[in-house]
Amino acid sequence: MRKFWLLFSQTATVFLAAYFVVATLKPQWLNRPALGNAVAVIEAPAGGAAGTGAGVGSFATAAKAASAAVVSINTSKAAARNPNIDDPWFKFFFGDQGDRSEPQVGLGSGVIVSPSGYILTNNHVVEGADDIEVILNDNRRARAKIIGTDPETDLAILKIELDKLPVIVLGSSDTLQVGDPVLAIGNPFGVGQTVTSGIISALGRNQLGINTFENFIQTDAAINPGNSGGALVDIQGRLLGINTAIYSRSGGSMGIGFAIPVATARQVLESIVKDGQVTRGWIGVEPQDLSPELAETFGIAPAAMRTGGVIITGVLQNGPAAQAGIVPGDVITDVAGKPVASVTELLTAVAALKPGVPAALGVLRKDKKTEIAVVPGTRQRPKIRR
């Protein structure tokens, strides 16, 4: 019996020793992970992200879907001729050196939004340019012409003549939420197409003094000079906005960038392509943000201020608002069913109205709420300063 137990113990010892050696050096023989790689890994399904090289959390698919439609834009503007160059005394003192100013060049980005060659970009990218060259991600080049511009939103529409153009898919900026992941694609500093990632930091940013009509998407995705006119896209590669500005003390990205929502860009695009310009509504009033002081001046009950709105301090004689019966002291609380709480919101809501088509304005007069139908006129385009 003792010999049998001794044989059993020796056999068990040899077996355990062999098992330990195999488990350490050849774990795959036992169908288990190596000791140094004991973290559980979830395999991607066949044909999924692993098949495209995009792992869990990767934005490669979105970047690939959108990047082809994002272009680089090179602009040049002829040097301004010195007005004194023909003056004999000027030539006597300065000679030909007085007219040696260099042409101005600029860099920016754009997004192809139509197979016909229409490109969305920023107005400030192409403003005043004499020559515009578009460079595609596949290195094709084409001269672009300006179809139309809208300085009040800082948008411009270009057109190129090339075949088989990649086109970005337009998303919805109206369903965005703070915290949604996004990508910014453009050509910062002229180094070549670059993709950066971040989240939506805020929505509806206005009163920044950048454009007349401001409703910016704020993001922390890195945006730098040269990114202007580029694409802000979601994780499916769909266009959410046109990158247009950054907040910076150094000229580089500090984590605060602004993009024009695709809803605004789509409206501008359709108006310019169809009519050659953007037509906006106008009612002829001088509005101010409602304050306790103004409420007291115009006799508005304190309880009525809880509804919010914009107070009208002036009305243009014979303008659309005056003809509808709006008077100074009225508080506009909503436009066509859309609440307005600031001058910027009122301006944007009125601009969205179609000229000649009556629209209902919610008006608070003293302490009584009423609804007034106004037939908006056409907002005059701002004069371009040269």
Protein backbone atom coordinates (compact mmCIF):
# COMPACT_ATOMS: atom_id res chain seq x y z
CA MET A 1 0.00 0.00 0.00
CA ARG A 2 2.85 2.32 0.87
CA LYS A 3 4.53 1.60 -2.47
CA PHE A 4 1.28 2.33 -4.31
CA TRP A 5 0.85 5.72 -2.56
CA LEU A 6 4.49 6.64 -3.29
CA LEU A 7 4.00 5.83 -6.99
CA PHE A 8 0.79 7.90 -7.10
CA SER A 9 2.39 10.95 -5.45
CA GLN A 10 5.39 10.85 -7.81
CA THR A 11 3.12 10.54 -10.85
CA ALA A 12 0.96 13.48 -9.68
CA THR A 13 4.05 15.59 -9.05
CA VAL A 14 5.44 14.93 -12.54
CA PHE A 15 2.03 15.67 -14.12
CA LEU A 16 1.64 18.98 -12.27
CA ALA A 17 5.18 20.00 -13.17
CA ALA A 18 4.54 19.24 -16.85
CA TYR A 19 1.24 21.14 -16.74
CA PHE A 20 2.95 24.19 -15.22
CA VAL A 21 5.66 24.18 -17.92
CA VAL A 22 3.13 23.87 -20.75
CA ALA A 23 0.81 26.52 -19.25
CA THR A 24 3.74 28.92 -19.00
CA LEU A 25 5.51 28.35 -22.31
CA LYS A 26 2.73 27.09 -24.62
CA PRO A 27 -0.62 28.36 -23.25
CA GLN A 28 -2.24 28.04 -26.67
CA TRP A 29 -1.99 24.23 -26.31
CA LEU A 30 -4.39 24.57 -23.40
CA ASN A 31 -6.60 27.15 -25.21
CA ARG A 32 -5.98 29.90 -22.65
CA PRO A 33 -4.27 33.35 -22.81
CA ALA A 34 -0.63 33.81 -21.88
CA LEU A 35 0.08 34.99 -18.33
CA GLY A 36 1.41 38.30 -19.55
CA ASN A 37 -1.72 39.01 -21.63
CA ALA A 38 -4.52 38.07 -19.28
CA VAL A 39 -6.86 40.99 -20.22
CA ALA A 40 -10.04 39.72 -21.87
CA VAL A 41 -10.42 40.78 -25.52
CA ILE A 42 -13.73 40.95 -27.40
CA GLU A 43 -13.21 39.89 -30.99
CA ALA A 44 -14.89 42.00 -33.68
CA PRO A 45 -17.43 40.04 -35.76
CA ALA A 46 -16.39 38.92 -39.22
CA GLY A 47 -16.67 41.77 -41.70
CA GLY A 48 -16.95 44.34 -38.88
CA ALA A 49 -14.55 46.95 -37.60
CA ALA A 50 -11.63 44.51 -37.47
CA GLY A 51 -12.00 43.81 -41.17
CA THR A 52 -11.51 47.53 -42.00
CA GLY A 53 -8.64 48.10 -39.60
CA ALA A 54 -10.89 50.22 -37.34
CA GLY A 55 -10.98 48.96 -33.77
CA VAL A 56 -13.38 49.71 -30.97
CA GLY A 57 -13.57 53.50 -30.49
CA SER A 58 -11.89 54.23 -33.84
CA PHE A 59 -13.12 57.06 -36.08
CA ALA A 60 -11.38 55.65 -39.15
CA THR A 61 -14.62 54.83 -40.95
CA ALA A 62 -16.04 58.32 -40.41
CA ALA A 63 -12.78 59.97 -41.44
CA LYS A 64 -12.58 57.88 -44.61
CA ALA A 65 -16.21 58.61 -45.50
CA ALA A 66 -15.85 62.38 -45.17
CA SER A 67 -12.21 63.16 -46.02
CA ALA A 68 -12.51 62.59 -49.75
CA ALA A 69 -15.06 65.42 -50.01
CA VAL A 70 -12.97 67.94 -48.03
CA VAL A 71 -10.74 70.09 -50.22
CA SER A 72 -7.92 72.56 -49.76
CA ILE A 73 -8.39 76.05 -51.16
CA ASN A 74 -5.54 78.30 -52.28
CA THR A 75 -6.38 81.91 -53.07
CA SER A 76 -4.38 84.79 -54.45
CA LYS A 77 -5.08 88.47 -54.81
CA ALA A 78 -3.12 90.74 -57.12
CA ALA A 79 -0.91 93.29 -55.43
CA ALA A 80 -2.52 96.69 -55.10
CA ARG A 81 -0.96 99.24 -57.41
CA ASN A 82 0.53 102.20 -55.63
CA PRO A 83 -1.65 105.22 -56.54
CA ASN A 84 1.43 107.47 -56.62
CA ILE A 85 3.46 105.35 -59.03
CA ASP A 86 2.82 107.71 -61.96
CA ASP A 87 3.80 110.79 -59.94
CA PRO A 88 7.20 112.09 -61.27
CA TRP A 89 8.27 113.24 -57.80
CA PHE A 90 7.42 109.82 -56.34
CA LYS A 91 9.50 108.12 -59.03
CA PHE A 92 12.33 110.60 -58.42
CA PHE A 93 12.60 109.62 -54.74
CA PHE A 94 11.58 105.94 -54.84
CA GLY A 95 12.11 104.81 -58.42
CA ASP A 96 10.52 101.50 -59.38
CA GLN A 97 10.84 100.20 -55.82
CA GLY A 98 7.69 102.07 -54.84
CA ASP A 99 5.47 99.53 -56.63
CA ARG A 100 7.03 96.23 -55.55
CA SER A 101 4.22 95.03 -53.32
CA GLU A 102 3.71 91.25 -53.34
CA PRO A 103 0.48 89.44 -54.24
CA GLN A 104 -1.57 88.31 -51.26
CA VAL A 105 -2.07 84.55 -50.86
CA GLY A 106 -4.38 82.63 -48.54
CA LEU A 107 -5.18 79.12 -47.43
CA GLY A 108 -8.44 77.54 -46.42
CA SER A 109 -10.64 74.49 -46.77
CA GLY A 110 -13.98 73.60 -48.33
CA VAL A 111 -16.51 70.78 -48.60
CA ILE A 112 -17.93 69.29 -51.82
CA VAL A 113 -21.69 69.06 -51.32
CA SER A 114 -22.91 68.24 -54.83
CA PRO A 115 -21.85 66.00 -57.73
CA SER A 116 -22.22 69.13 -59.86
CA GLY A 117 -19.16 70.59 -58.17
CA TYR A 118 -20.65 72.97 -55.60
CA ILE A 119 -18.38 73.62 -52.64
CA LEU A 120 -19.25 75.18 -49.29
CA THR A 121 -16.59 77.31 -47.63
CA ASN A 122 -16.23 80.50 -45.61
CA ASN A 123 -16.69 83.89 -47.23
CA HIS A 124 -13.55 85.18 -45.53
CA VAL A 125 -11.53 82.43 -47.23
CA VAL A 126 -12.32 83.67 -50.76
CA GLU A 127 -13.27 87.32 -50.18
CA GLY A 128 -11.51 89.60 -52.66
CA ALA A 129 -9.61 86.72 -54.30
CA ASP A 130 -8.65 87.06 -57.97
CA ASP A 131 -7.73 83.41 -58.37
CA ILE A 132 -9.05 80.36 -56.48
CA GLU A 133 -7.50 76.90 -56.79
CA VAL A 134 -9.16 73.83 -55.28
CA ILE A 135 -7.05 70.76 -54.47
CA LEU A 136 -8.87 67.49 -53.88
CA ASN A 137 -7.74 64.77 -51.51
CA ASP A 138 -6.81 62.64 -54.56
CA ASN A 139 -4.46 65.48 -55.68
CA ARG A 140 -6.65 66.64 -58.56
CA ARG A 141 -6.68 70.41 -59.03
CA ALA A 142 -9.23 72.78 -60.52
CA ARG A 143 -9.90 76.49 -60.80
CA ALA A 144 -13.04 77.51 -58.93
CA LYS A 145 -15.48 80.32 -59.55
CA ILE A 146 -17.57 82.03 -56.91
CA ILE A 147 -21.28 81.33 -57.38
CA GLY A 148 -22.35 83.55 -54.49
CA THR A 149 -21.46 84.75 -51.02
CA ASP A 150 -23.33 85.57 -47.84
CA PRO A 151 -21.17 87.80 -45.63
CA GLU A 152 -23.84 87.86 -42.89
CA THR A 153 -23.24 84.16 -42.18
CA ASP A 154 -19.66 84.12 -43.55
CA LEU A 155 -20.50 81.47 -46.14
CA ALA A 156 -19.59 81.23 -49.81
CA ILE A 157 -20.47 78.82 -52.60
CA LEU A 158 -17.81 77.83 -55.15
CA LYS A 159 -18.07 75.60 -58.22
CA ILE A 160 -15.49 73.44 -59.97
CA GLU A 161 -15.73 71.47 -63.21
CA LEU A 162 -14.47 67.94 -62.58
CA ASP A 163 -15.90 64.47 -63.10
CA LYS A 164 -16.59 61.79 -60.48
CA LEU A 165 -16.47 64.11 -57.52
CA PRO A 166 -16.73 62.72 -53.99
CA VAL A 167 -19.68 64.24 -52.14
CA ILE A 168 -20.22 64.49 -48.40
CA VAL A 169 -23.51 63.38 -46.85
CA LEU A 170 -25.37 66.18 -45.07
CA GLY A 171 -26.33 65.39 -41.49
CA SER A 172 -28.71 67.13 -39.09
CA SER A 173 -27.43 69.86 -36.79
CA ASP A 174 -30.86 70.24 -35.20
CA THR A 175 -30.54 66.96 -33.27
CA LEU A 176 -27.08 67.62 -31.85
CA GLN A 177 -26.46 67.39 -28.13
CA VAL A 178 -23.64 68.63 -25.96
CA GLY A 179 -21.20 65.77 -25.53
CA ASP A 180 -21.70 64.22 -28.98
CA PRO A 181 -18.36 63.14 -30.54
CA VAL A 182 -17.28 64.99 -33.70
CA LEU A 183 -14.36 65.22 -36.13
CA ALA A 184 -12.92 68.37 -37.70
CA ILE A 185 -11.33 67.93 -41.15
CA GLY A 186 -9.35 70.59 -42.97
CA ASN A 187 -5.94 71.84 -44.05
CA PRO A 188 -4.42 73.64 -41.02
CA PHE A 189 -1.37 75.80 -41.73
CA GLY A 190 -1.18 74.29 -45.23
CA VAL A 191 0.44 71.09 -43.95
CA GLY A 192 -2.13 68.87 -45.70
CA GLN A 193 -5.46 67.33 -44.81
CA THR A 194 -5.74 66.71 -41.08
CA VAL A 195 -8.42 65.04 -38.94
CA THR A 196 -8.93 65.99 -35.28
CA SER A 197 -11.50 64.72 -32.82
CA GLY A 198 -13.46 66.16 -29.92
CA ILE A 199 -16.99 66.67 -28.68
CA ILE A 200 -19.76 69.24 -28.99
CA SER A 201 -18.96 71.69 -26.19
CA ALA A 202 -21.97 74.00 -26.57
CA LEU A 203 -24.78 74.87 -28.96
CA GLY A 204 -26.37 78.12 -30.09
CA ARG A 205 -23.37 80.32 -29.35
CA ASN A 206 -24.09 83.92 -30.36
CA GLN A 207 -23.18 87.52 -29.54
CA LEU A 208 -19.55 86.76 -30.41
CA GLY A 209 -19.27 89.62 -32.89
CA ILE A 210 -18.14 87.30 -35.70
CA ASN A 211 -21.17 87.32 -38.02
CA THR A 212 -24.49 89.14 -38.23
CA PHE A 213 -26.37 85.86 -37.81
CA GLU A 214 -24.73 83.66 -35.20
CA ASN A 215 -25.86 80.25 -34.04
CA PHE A 216 -22.54 78.50 -33.70
CA ILE A 217 -21.71 74.94 -32.74
CA GLN A 218 -18.84 75.07 -30.26
CA THR A 219 -16.35 72.20 -30.25
CA ASP A 220 -13.04 71.30 -28.64
CA ALA A 221 -11.85 69.43 -31.74
CA ALA A 222 -8.61 71.18 -32.70
CA ILE A 223 -9.24 73.86 -35.35
CA ASN A 224 -6.36 76.02 -36.60
CA PRO A 225 -5.75 78.63 -39.32
CA GLY A 226 -6.37 76.91 -42.65
CA ASN A 227 -9.23 74.84 -41.22
CA SER A 228 -11.69 77.63 -42.09
CA GLY A 229 -14.33 76.29 -44.45
CA GLY A 230 -13.58 72.67 -43.53
CA ALA A 231 -15.98 70.04 -42.27
CA LEU A 232 -17.28 69.25 -38.82
CA VAL A 233 -18.70 65.72 -39.06
CA ASP A 234 -20.32 63.11 -36.83
CA ILE A 235 -19.01 59.59 -36.25
CA GLN A 236 -20.78 58.40 -39.40
CA GLY A 237 -18.92 61.01 -41.47
CA ARG A 238 -22.01 63.17 -42.07
CA LEU A 239 -21.60 66.94 -42.30
CA LEU A 240 -22.75 68.82 -39.19
CA GLY A 241 -21.18 72.22 -39.76
CA ILE A 242 -18.63 74.41 -41.53
CA ASN A 243 -15.64 75.27 -39.32
CA THR A 244 -15.29 79.03 -39.31
CA ALA A 245 -13.53 80.53 -36.28
CA ILE A 246 -11.48 79.84 -33.17
CA TYR A 247 -11.01 81.56 -29.85
CA SER A 248 -7.27 81.96 -29.40
CA ARG A 249 -4.70 84.20 -27.79
CA SER A 250 -1.82 82.64 -29.67
CA GLY A 251 -3.27 82.04 -33.15
CA GLY A 252 -3.47 78.28 -32.56
CA SER A 253 -6.13 76.00 -31.15
CA MET A 254 -7.02 76.49 -27.48
CA GLY A 255 -9.92 74.07 -27.42
CA ILE A 256 -12.65 76.51 -28.44
CA GLY A 257 -13.71 76.37 -32.06
CA PHE A 258 -16.91 77.46 -33.79
CA ALA A 259 -18.76 75.96 -36.73
CA ILE A 260 -21.76 77.18 -38.72
CA PRO A 261 -24.57 74.58 -38.44
CA VAL A 262 -25.31 72.58 -41.58
CA ALA A 263 -28.96 73.70 -41.35
CA THR A 264 -27.81 77.29 -41.95
CA ALA A 265 -25.33 76.24 -44.63
CA ARG A 266 -27.99 74.25 -46.48
CA GLN A 267 -30.36 77.25 -46.51
CA VAL A 268 -27.63 79.54 -47.86
CA LEU A 269 -26.58 76.97 -50.46
CA GLU A 270 -30.10 76.45 -51.79
CA SER A 271 -30.85 80.18 -51.89
CA ILE A 272 -27.66 81.09 -53.73
CA VAL A 273 -27.90 78.26 -56.25
CA LYS A 274 -31.56 79.00 -56.93
CA ASP A 275 -31.73 82.80 -56.73
CA GLY A 276 -28.10 83.93 -56.80
CA GLN A 277 -28.43 85.47 -53.36
CA VAL A 278 -29.84 84.88 -49.89
CA THR A 279 -33.23 86.48 -49.28
CA ARG A 280 -34.17 87.21 -45.66
CA GLY A 281 -37.18 88.65 -43.89
CA TRP A 282 -37.31 92.12 -42.29
CA ILE A 283 -39.99 93.89 -40.24
CA GLY A 284 -38.46 97.30 -39.47
CA VAL A 285 -38.07 97.48 -35.70
CA GLU A 286 -35.41 98.55 -33.21
CA PRO A 287 -35.25 95.81 -30.56
CA GLN A 288 -33.44 95.62 -27.22
CA ASP A 289 -33.02 92.87 -24.68
CA LEU A 290 -35.72 93.18 -22.02
CA SER A 291 -34.47 94.57 -18.71
CA PRO A 292 -36.23 95.72 -15.52
CA GLU A 293 -35.35 99.33 -16.35
CA LEU A 294 -36.91 99.17 -19.82
CA ALA A 295 -39.92 97.31 -18.42
CA GLU A 296 -40.48 100.08 -15.90
CA THR A 297 -40.04 102.78 -18.56
CA PHE A 298 -42.68 101.25 -20.83
CA GLY A 299 -45.04 100.24 -18.01
CA ILE A 300 -44.66 96.48 -18.36
CA ALA A 301 -45.89 94.56 -15.32
CA PRO A 302 -43.09 92.71 -13.46
CA ALA A 303 -45.13 89.49 -13.57
CA ALA A 304 -45.30 89.74 -17.35
CA MET A 305 -41.51 89.72 -17.62
CA ARG A 306 -41.42 86.05 -16.64
CA THR A 307 -42.58 85.17 -20.16
CA GLY A 308 -39.33 86.61 -21.59
CA GLY A 309 -39.01 88.26 -24.96
CA VAL A 310 -37.48 91.27 -26.72
CA ILE A 311 -38.76 94.78 -26.21
CA ILE A 312 -39.32 97.07 -29.20
CA THR A 313 -37.99 100.58 -28.53
CA GLY A 314 -38.45 101.92 -32.06
CA VAL A 315 -40.62 101.16 -35.10
CA LEU A 316 -39.82 102.29 -38.64
CA GLN A 317 -42.59 104.46 -40.04
CA ASN A 318 -44.57 102.64 -42.75
CA GLY A 319 -42.46 99.52 -42.21
CA PRO A 320 -43.99 96.02 -42.01
CA ALA A 321 -44.20 96.10 -38.19
CA ALA A 322 -45.76 99.57 -38.11
CA GLN A 323 -48.34 98.57 -40.71
CA ALA A 324 -49.24 95.52 -38.61
CA GLY A 325 -49.82 97.70 -35.52
CA ILE A 326 -46.68 97.02 -33.47
CA VAL A 327 -45.71 100.03 -31.35
CA PRO A 328 -42.75 100.94 -29.09
CA GLY A 329 -43.06 99.17 -25.76
CA ASP A 330 -44.40 95.94 -27.25
CA VAL A 331 -42.51 92.82 -26.23
CA ILE A 332 -42.14 90.16 -28.92
CA THR A 333 -42.15 86.76 -27.26
CA ASP A 334 -42.20 84.46 -30.29
CA VAL A 335 -41.94 84.53 -34.07
CA ALA A 336 -43.93 82.00 -36.08
CA GLY A 337 -44.31 79.89 -32.96
CA LYS A 338 -40.60 79.98 -32.09
CA PRO A 339 -39.79 81.61 -28.71
CA VAL A 340 -37.26 84.46 -28.76
CA ALA A 341 -35.38 85.57 -25.67
CA SER A 342 -32.71 87.90 -27.08
CA VAL A 343 -32.15 90.39 -29.87
CA THR A 344 -29.97 87.85 -31.68
CA GLU A 345 -32.70 85.22 -31.58
CA LEU A 346 -35.30 87.73 -32.80
CA LEU A 347 -33.05 88.83 -35.67
CA THR A 348 -32.41 85.23 -36.71
CA ALA A 349 -36.09 84.23 -36.45
CA VAL A 350 -37.27 87.23 -38.50
CA ALA A 351 -34.55 86.66 -41.11
CA ALA A 352 -35.85 83.12 -41.60
CA LEU A 353 -39.31 84.44 -42.56
CA LYS A 354 -40.26 84.48 -46.21
CA PRO A 355 -40.82 88.02 -47.50
CA GLY A 356 -44.43 88.68 -48.49
CA VAL A 357 -45.84 85.75 -46.51
CA PRO A 358 -47.74 86.71 -43.30
CA ALA A 359 -46.21 85.44 -40.07
CA ALA A 360 -47.67 85.41 -36.55
CA LEU A 361 -45.77 87.29 -33.84
CA GLY A 362 -46.55 86.75 -30.18
CA VAL A 363 -46.70 90.19 -28.59
CA LEU A 364 -46.96 91.24 -24.95
CA ARG A 365 -48.46 94.73 -24.57
CA LYS A 366 -48.46 96.02 -21.01
CA ASP A 367 -49.75 92.89 -19.31
CA LYS A 368 -51.82 91.40 -22.11
CA LYS A 369 -50.65 88.73 -24.55
CA THR A 370 -51.82 88.97 -28.15
CA GLU A 371 -50.89 87.70 -31.59
CA ILE A 372 -50.21 90.02 -34.51
CA ALA A 373 -49.81 89.00 -38.15
CA VAL A 374 -46.93 90.78 -39.89
CA VAL A 375 -46.08 90.63 -43.59
CA PRO A 376 -42.26 90.80 -43.63
CA GLY A 377 -40.38 92.75 -46.25
CA THR A 378 -36.98 91.88 -47.74
CA ARG A 379 -33.86 92.57 -45.73
CA GLN A 380 -31.39 94.65 -47.71
CA ARG A 381 -28.02 93.08 -48.35
CA PRO A 382 -25.17 94.79 -46.49
CA LYS A 383 -22.85 96.97 -48.52
CA ILE A 384 -19.50 95.31 -49.12
CA ARG A 385 -16.58 97.39 -47.92
CA ARG A 386 -13.56 97.44 -50.20
